[in-house]
Amino acid sequence: MELEQVMDEMELKMMKSMEVIEHEFATIRTGKASPALVENIMVDYYGTQTRLRQIAGISTPEPRLIIIQTWDPGAVDAVEKALMKSKIGITPIRDGRVLRMPIPELSEERRKELDKVLKGMAEEGRVAVRNVRREANDAIKKLQKGGAITEDQMHTAEKKVQDKTNEYIGEIDKFLAKKEKEIMEL
């Protein structure tokens, strides 16, 4: 393995960690309607566990309303049941083939709970990025011990790895601050 490969692999893994954090943050309810709140809910669709987004159209015509329209009229009951079982805490209102989910205001207590959950997710993301840093540094040290790179190249590469780590952790912190602001808004 070459130094360039190690650096590229590290960058790719850090990007994936960021994508995971972005997606997890999108699933946190902020008082605003978002298809991400429900799109990955698993529905028992004719005996097969299927993601909601694969069997229904999900839209947010208003800031506090999610509308779910199943493509198969026979799936409405299964979708409704899955939404009731889900942890999002919103009861769907059935209107023929359409399910409406009004997003209620968040209480101050609930906002603080969500903030703690967000901080936990952000810390998991930081830990993932630091683990990628450790793996990259270990690979760089192996290259240096194997004679593939000089000691100076090793130190330069380790500095680049640390710079990338700081960059991605900074991005996670920006996402966290933005999401916290969304949650705390009345």
Protein backbone atom coordinates (compact mmCIF):
# COMPACT_ATOMS: atom_id res chain seq x y z
CA MET A 1 0.00 0.00 0.00
CA GLU A 2 1.30 3.46 -0.89
CA LEU A 3 1.08 6.68 1.11
CA GLU A 4 -1.32 8.20 -1.42
CA GLN A 5 -3.65 5.18 -1.06
CA VAL A 6 -3.62 5.52 2.73
CA MET A 7 -4.52 9.22 2.47
CA ASP A 8 -7.29 8.61 -0.07
CA GLU A 9 -8.77 5.79 1.99
CA MET A 10 -8.67 7.96 5.12
CA GLU A 11 -10.46 10.82 3.34
CA LEU A 12 -13.12 8.45 2.01
CA LYS A 13 -13.80 6.93 5.45
CA MET A 14 -14.02 10.38 7.06
CA MET A 15 -16.48 11.50 4.35
CA LYS A 16 -18.63 8.43 5.03
CA SER A 17 -18.62 9.21 8.76
CA MET A 18 -19.86 12.72 7.92
CA GLU A 19 -22.62 11.35 5.69
CA VAL A 20 -23.79 9.03 8.47
CA ILE A 21 -23.91 11.95 10.93
CA GLU A 22 -25.82 14.13 8.44
CA HIS A 23 -28.36 11.36 7.89
CA GLU A 24 -28.76 10.66 11.61
CA PHE A 25 -29.24 14.36 12.33
CA ALA A 26 -31.94 14.50 9.64
CA THR A 27 -33.96 11.88 11.52
CA ILE A 28 -34.22 14.08 14.63
CA ARG A 29 -37.53 15.88 14.77
CA THR A 30 -37.15 19.65 15.04
CA GLY A 31 -40.75 20.77 14.90
CA LYS A 32 -40.45 21.14 11.14
CA ALA A 33 -41.78 18.50 8.78
CA SER A 34 -39.13 16.51 6.93
CA PRO A 35 -39.51 13.34 4.84
CA ALA A 36 -36.37 12.01 6.58
CA LEU A 37 -38.44 11.57 9.75
CA VAL A 38 -40.42 8.72 8.21
CA GLU A 39 -38.75 7.54 5.00
CA ASN A 40 -36.77 4.71 6.63
CA ILE A 41 -39.58 3.31 8.78
CA MET A 42 -39.94 -0.39 8.01
CA VAL A 43 -43.41 -1.50 6.89
CA ASP A 44 -44.65 -5.11 6.81
CA TYR A 45 -45.65 -5.03 3.13
CA TYR A 46 -47.25 -8.36 2.21
CA GLY A 47 -44.93 -10.22 4.59
CA THR A 48 -41.77 -8.39 3.55
CA GLN A 49 -40.09 -5.65 5.60
CA THR A 50 -39.92 -2.68 3.22
CA ARG A 51 -38.84 0.94 3.73
CA LEU A 52 -41.72 3.38 3.63
CA ARG A 53 -40.07 5.45 0.86
CA GLN A 54 -40.22 2.38 -1.43
CA ILE A 55 -44.00 1.95 -1.18
CA ALA A 56 -45.25 5.52 -0.78
CA GLY A 57 -44.73 9.10 -1.83
CA ILE A 58 -43.71 11.34 1.07
CA SER A 59 -44.16 15.10 0.86
CA THR A 60 -44.16 18.14 3.14
CA PRO A 61 -46.58 20.70 1.64
CA GLU A 62 -46.51 22.77 4.84
CA PRO A 63 -43.78 23.34 7.45
CA ARG A 64 -45.68 21.28 10.05
CA LEU A 65 -47.28 18.54 7.93
CA ILE A 66 -46.02 15.32 6.36
CA ILE A 67 -48.25 13.65 3.78
CA ILE A 68 -47.73 9.98 2.93
CA GLN A 69 -49.54 8.59 -0.10
CA THR A 70 -49.14 4.87 -0.73
CA TRP A 71 -48.89 3.68 -4.31
CA ASP A 72 -50.81 0.52 -3.40
CA PRO A 73 -54.20 1.21 -1.76
CA GLY A 74 -53.90 -2.12 0.10
CA ALA A 75 -50.76 -0.93 1.90
CA VAL A 76 -52.39 1.96 3.79
CA ASP A 77 -53.23 -0.22 6.82
CA ALA A 78 -49.69 -1.62 7.03
CA VAL A 79 -48.15 1.86 6.71
CA GLU A 80 -50.47 3.27 9.36
CA LYS A 81 -49.59 0.40 11.72
CA ALA A 82 -45.84 0.91 11.14
CA LEU A 83 -46.14 4.65 11.81
CA MET A 84 -48.02 3.97 15.06
CA LYS A 85 -45.28 1.53 16.20
CA SER A 86 -42.43 3.88 15.25
CA LYS A 87 -40.62 5.97 17.83
CA ILE A 88 -41.39 9.34 16.24
CA GLY A 89 -44.36 9.85 18.54
CA ILE A 90 -46.79 11.26 15.98
CA THR A 91 -50.16 9.66 15.30
CA PRO A 92 -51.09 9.63 11.60
CA ILE A 93 -54.51 10.85 10.49
CA ARG A 94 -56.03 8.67 7.78
CA ASP A 95 -57.76 10.32 4.85
CA GLY A 96 -58.59 7.56 2.36
CA ARG A 97 -55.32 6.50 0.69
CA VAL A 98 -53.46 9.43 2.25
CA LEU A 99 -51.94 9.59 5.73
CA ARG A 100 -51.39 13.03 7.23
CA MET A 101 -48.93 13.55 10.05
CA PRO A 102 -49.19 16.95 11.72
CA ILE A 103 -45.95 17.84 13.52
CA PRO A 104 -46.73 19.26 16.98
CA GLU A 105 -44.71 21.96 18.73
CA LEU A 106 -41.85 20.61 20.81
CA SER A 107 -41.99 21.19 24.57
CA GLU A 108 -38.95 22.73 26.29
CA GLU A 109 -38.27 19.40 28.03
CA ARG A 110 -38.40 17.49 24.74
CA ARG A 111 -36.07 20.05 23.12
CA LYS A 112 -33.50 19.45 25.85
CA GLU A 113 -33.81 15.65 25.44
CA LEU A 114 -33.29 15.97 21.67
CA ASP A 115 -30.29 18.22 22.29
CA LYS A 116 -28.70 15.49 24.44
CA VAL A 117 -29.39 12.92 21.71
CA LEU A 118 -27.78 15.21 19.12
CA LYS A 119 -24.70 15.73 21.26
CA GLY A 120 -24.38 11.96 21.66
CA MET A 121 -24.62 11.45 17.89
CA ALA A 122 -22.03 14.17 17.28
CA GLU A 123 -19.63 12.56 19.77
CA GLU A 124 -20.07 9.19 18.04
CA GLY A 125 -19.17 10.92 14.77
CA ARG A 126 -16.08 12.52 16.31
CA VAL A 127 -14.99 9.14 17.69
CA ALA A 128 -15.46 7.55 14.24
CA VAL A 129 -13.30 10.26 12.64
CA ARG A 130 -10.62 9.82 15.33
CA ASN A 131 -10.64 6.05 14.74
CA VAL A 132 -10.04 6.68 11.03
CA ARG A 133 -7.14 8.99 12.01
CA ARG A 134 -5.63 6.26 14.20
CA GLU A 135 -5.92 3.68 11.39
CA ALA A 136 -4.29 6.07 8.91
CA ASN A 137 -1.45 6.91 11.31
CA ASP A 138 -0.84 3.20 11.95
CA ALA A 139 -0.70 2.53 8.20
CA ILE A 140 1.71 5.45 7.71
CA LYS A 141 4.00 4.14 10.47
CA LYS A 142 3.99 0.69 8.85
CA LEU A 143 5.02 2.26 5.54
CA GLN A 144 7.88 4.09 7.26
CA LYS A 145 9.05 0.94 9.08
CA GLY A 146 8.88 -1.00 5.82
CA GLY A 147 11.09 1.60 4.15
CA ALA A 148 8.45 2.77 1.66
CA ILE A 149 8.63 6.37 2.98
CA THR A 150 11.16 8.45 4.90
CA GLU A 151 10.71 9.70 8.44
CA ASP A 152 10.13 13.26 7.15
CA GLN A 153 7.42 12.01 4.79
CA MET A 154 5.85 10.15 7.75
CA HIS A 155 5.74 13.33 9.87
CA THR A 156 4.32 15.36 6.98
CA ALA A 157 1.65 12.71 6.31
CA GLU A 158 0.72 12.54 10.02
CA LYS A 159 0.29 16.32 10.05
CA LYS A 160 -1.98 16.11 6.99
CA VAL A 161 -4.00 13.36 8.71
CA GLN A 162 -4.40 15.55 11.80
CA ASP A 163 -5.42 18.54 9.66
CA LYS A 164 -8.11 16.44 7.94
CA THR A 165 -9.27 15.12 11.31
CA ASN A 166 -9.62 18.67 12.64
CA GLU A 167 -11.47 19.69 9.46
CA TYR A 168 -14.04 16.88 9.75
CA ILE A 169 -14.53 17.31 13.49
CA GLY A 170 -15.10 21.03 12.81
CA GLU A 171 -17.76 20.09 10.23
CA ILE A 172 -19.49 17.82 12.75
CA ASP A 173 -19.48 20.67 15.28
CA LYS A 174 -21.02 23.02 12.65
CA PHE A 175 -23.77 20.48 11.91
CA LEU A 176 -24.42 20.10 15.62
CA ALA A 177 -24.66 23.87 16.18
CA LYS A 178 -27.03 24.26 13.21
CA LYS A 179 -29.28 21.40 14.36
CA GLU A 180 -29.29 22.64 17.98
CA LYS A 181 -30.37 26.06 16.74
CA GLU A 182 -33.20 24.44 14.74
CA ILE A 183 -34.38 22.48 17.78
CA MET A 184 -34.25 25.39 20.18
CA GLU A 185 -36.16 27.74 17.84
CA LEU A 186 -39.74 28.30 18.91
